[in-house]
């Protein structure tokens, strides 16, 4: 792993959640006390596309994630604009 970005502490202080440059969301268990101890980072999930913006959000218990994605061209609805439609009605 080559580092991370967008770091979030779980509210109880027992875990750090972060994103990697390749779009993977990772977690690492931590112990706070006289010294700081960090466990081995583990993959939670891979973001299935490009982020719309630069951040994601998590709930306090780190059980739910809000990840804004850029829609793919196939996912976008089609919009059809009909010009001069009143002329078509008269026919």
C-alpha atoms as a PDB file:
ATOM      1  CA  UNK A   1       0.000   0.000   0.000  1.00  0.00           C
ATOM      2  CA  UNK A   2       1.260   3.472  -0.866  1.00  0.00           C
ATOM      3  CA  UNK A   3      -0.517   5.625   1.705  1.00  0.00           C
ATOM      4  CA  UNK A   4      -3.979   7.045   1.897  1.00  0.00           C
ATOM      5  CA  UNK A   5      -6.133  10.120   1.865  1.00  0.00           C
ATOM      6  CA  UNK A   6      -9.423  11.346   3.338  1.00  0.00           C
ATOM      7  CA  UNK A   7      -8.886   9.894   6.787  1.00  0.00           C
ATOM      8  CA  UNK A   8     -11.796   9.448   9.231  1.00  0.00           C
ATOM      9  CA  UNK A   9     -11.691   8.320  12.862  1.00  0.00           C
ATOM     10  CA  UNK A  10     -14.535   6.106  13.972  1.00  0.00           C
ATOM     11  CA  UNK A  11     -16.341   7.954  16.760  1.00  0.00           C
ATOM     12  CA  UNK A  12     -15.281   5.453  19.447  1.00  0.00           C
ATOM     13  CA  UNK A  13     -11.621   5.964  18.455  1.00  0.00           C
ATOM     14  CA  UNK A  14     -10.975   2.271  17.770  1.00  0.00           C
ATOM     15  CA  UNK A  15     -10.615   2.438  13.998  1.00  0.00           C
ATOM     16  CA  UNK A  16      -9.311   4.718  11.267  1.00  0.00           C
ATOM     17  CA  UNK A  17     -10.993   4.611   7.847  1.00  0.00           C
ATOM     18  CA  UNK A  18      -9.221   5.995   4.790  1.00  0.00           C
ATOM     19  CA  UNK A  19      -9.257   5.930   1.011  1.00  0.00           C
ATOM     20  CA  UNK A  20      -6.314   4.952  -1.151  1.00  0.00           C
ATOM     21  CA  UNK A  21      -5.236   6.561  -4.380  1.00  0.00           C
ATOM     22  CA  UNK A  22      -6.571   3.585  -6.381  1.00  0.00           C
ATOM     23  CA  UNK A  23     -10.100   3.987  -4.928  1.00  0.00           C
ATOM     24  CA  UNK A  24     -10.064   1.369  -2.189  1.00  0.00           C
ATOM     25  CA  UNK A  25     -11.611   2.080   1.209  1.00  0.00           C
ATOM     26  CA  UNK A  26      -9.441   0.692   3.982  1.00  0.00           C
ATOM     27  CA  UNK A  27      -9.703   0.370   7.761  1.00  0.00           C
ATOM     28  CA  UNK A  28      -7.108  -0.122  10.459  1.00  0.00           C
ATOM     29  CA  UNK A  29      -7.758  -0.929  14.113  1.00  0.00           C
ATOM     30  CA  UNK A  30      -6.033   1.408  16.560  1.00  0.00           C
ATOM     31  CA  UNK A  31      -5.401   1.405  20.302  1.00  0.00           C
ATOM     32  CA  UNK A  32      -5.038   4.672  22.141  1.00  0.00           C
ATOM     33  CA  UNK A  33      -3.285   4.927  25.459  1.00  0.00           C
ATOM     34  CA  UNK A  34       0.185   5.832  26.668  1.00  0.00           C
ATOM     35  CA  UNK A  35       1.323   4.818  23.178  1.00  0.00           C
ATOM     36  CA  UNK A  36      -0.416   4.666  19.828  1.00  0.00           C
ATOM     37  CA  UNK A  37      -0.773   1.211  18.293  1.00  0.00           C
ATOM     38  CA  UNK A  38      -2.082   0.528  14.789  1.00  0.00           C
ATOM     39  CA  UNK A  39      -3.022  -2.849  13.380  1.00  0.00           C
ATOM     40  CA  UNK A  40      -2.669  -4.084   9.832  1.00  0.00           C
ATOM     41  CA  UNK A  41      -4.812  -2.162   7.314  1.00  0.00           C
ATOM     42  CA  UNK A  42      -7.584  -4.218   5.704  1.00  0.00           C
ATOM     43  CA  UNK A  43      -9.668  -3.574   2.624  1.00  0.00           C
ATOM     44  CA  UNK A  44     -13.337  -2.791   3.201  1.00  0.00           C
ATOM     45  CA  UNK A  45     -14.385  -2.294  -0.426  1.00  0.00           C
ATOM     46  CA  UNK A  46     -13.351  -0.839  -3.759  1.00  0.00           C
ATOM     47  CA  UNK A  47     -15.169   2.266  -4.990  1.00  0.00           C
ATOM     48  CA  UNK A  48     -16.987   1.171  -8.191  1.00  0.00           C
ATOM     49  CA  UNK A  49     -16.177   4.232 -10.292  1.00  0.00           C
ATOM     50  CA  UNK A  50     -14.810   7.754 -10.137  1.00  0.00           C
ATOM     51  CA  UNK A  51     -15.672   9.985  -7.187  1.00  0.00           C
ATOM     52  CA  UNK A  52     -17.770  13.049  -7.946  1.00  0.00           C
ATOM     53  CA  UNK A  53     -15.680  15.435  -5.905  1.00  0.00           C
ATOM     54  CA  UNK A  54     -12.841  14.476  -3.665  1.00  0.00           C
ATOM     55  CA  UNK A  55     -14.439  13.032  -0.526  1.00  0.00           C
ATOM     56  CA  UNK A  56     -16.775  10.399   0.813  1.00  0.00           C
ATOM     57  CA  UNK A  57     -18.667  10.377   4.130  1.00  0.00           C
ATOM     58  CA  UNK A  58     -19.201   7.714   6.777  1.00  0.00           C
ATOM     59  CA  UNK A  59     -21.561   7.272   9.708  1.00  0.00           C
ATOM     60  CA  UNK A  60     -20.178   7.537  13.249  1.00  0.00           C
ATOM     61  CA  UNK A  61     -20.099   3.741  13.641  1.00  0.00           C
ATOM     62  CA  UNK A  62     -18.449   3.312  10.206  1.00  0.00           C
ATOM     63  CA  UNK A  63     -21.161   0.901   9.054  1.00  0.00           C
ATOM     64  CA  UNK A  64     -22.539   3.029   6.200  1.00  0.00           C
ATOM     65  CA  UNK A  65     -20.757   5.054   3.556  1.00  0.00           C
ATOM     66  CA  UNK A  66     -21.933   7.813   1.244  1.00  0.00           C
ATOM     67  CA  UNK A  67     -19.784   7.783  -1.883  1.00  0.00           C
ATOM     68  CA  UNK A  68     -20.737  10.319  -4.574  1.00  0.00           C
ATOM     69  CA  UNK A  69     -19.916   8.783  -7.947  1.00  0.00           C
ATOM     70  CA  UNK A  70     -19.720  10.322 -11.396  1.00  0.00           C
ATOM     71  CA  UNK A  71     -22.496   8.656 -13.409  1.00  0.00           C
ATOM     72  CA  UNK A  72     -21.441   6.572 -16.385  1.00  0.00           C
ATOM     73  CA  UNK A  73     -22.791   7.590 -19.788  1.00  0.00           C
ATOM     74  CA  UNK A  74     -25.023   4.483 -19.902  1.00  0.00           C
ATOM     75  CA  UNK A  75     -26.528   5.363 -16.503  1.00  0.00           C
ATOM     76  CA  UNK A  76     -27.699   8.808 -17.541  1.00  0.00           C
ATOM     77  CA  UNK A  77     -31.329   9.193 -18.591  1.00  0.00           C
ATOM     78  CA  UNK A  78     -32.062  10.452 -22.075  1.00  0.00           C
ATOM     79  CA  UNK A  79     -33.771  13.802 -22.471  1.00  0.00           C
ATOM     80  CA  UNK A  80     -35.638  14.563 -25.681  1.00  0.00           C
ATOM     81  CA  UNK A  81     -36.628  18.142 -26.465  1.00  0.00           C
ATOM     82  CA  UNK A  82     -39.286  18.673 -29.122  1.00  0.00           C
ATOM     83  CA  UNK A  83     -39.171  22.115 -30.708  1.00  0.00           C
ATOM     84  CA  UNK A  84     -42.123  23.663 -32.507  1.00  0.00           C
ATOM     85  CA  UNK A  85     -44.414  20.959 -31.116  1.00  0.00           C
ATOM     86  CA  UNK A  86     -47.548  23.068 -31.644  1.00  0.00           C
ATOM     87  CA  UNK A  87     -47.028  22.849 -35.425  1.00  0.00           C
ATOM     88  CA  UNK A  88     -47.022  19.047 -35.133  1.00  0.00           C
ATOM     89  CA  UNK A  89     -50.384  19.072 -33.344  1.00  0.00           C
ATOM     90  CA  UNK A  90     -52.059  20.922 -36.236  1.00  0.00           C
ATOM     91  CA  UNK A  91     -51.122  18.173 -38.709  1.00  0.00           C
END
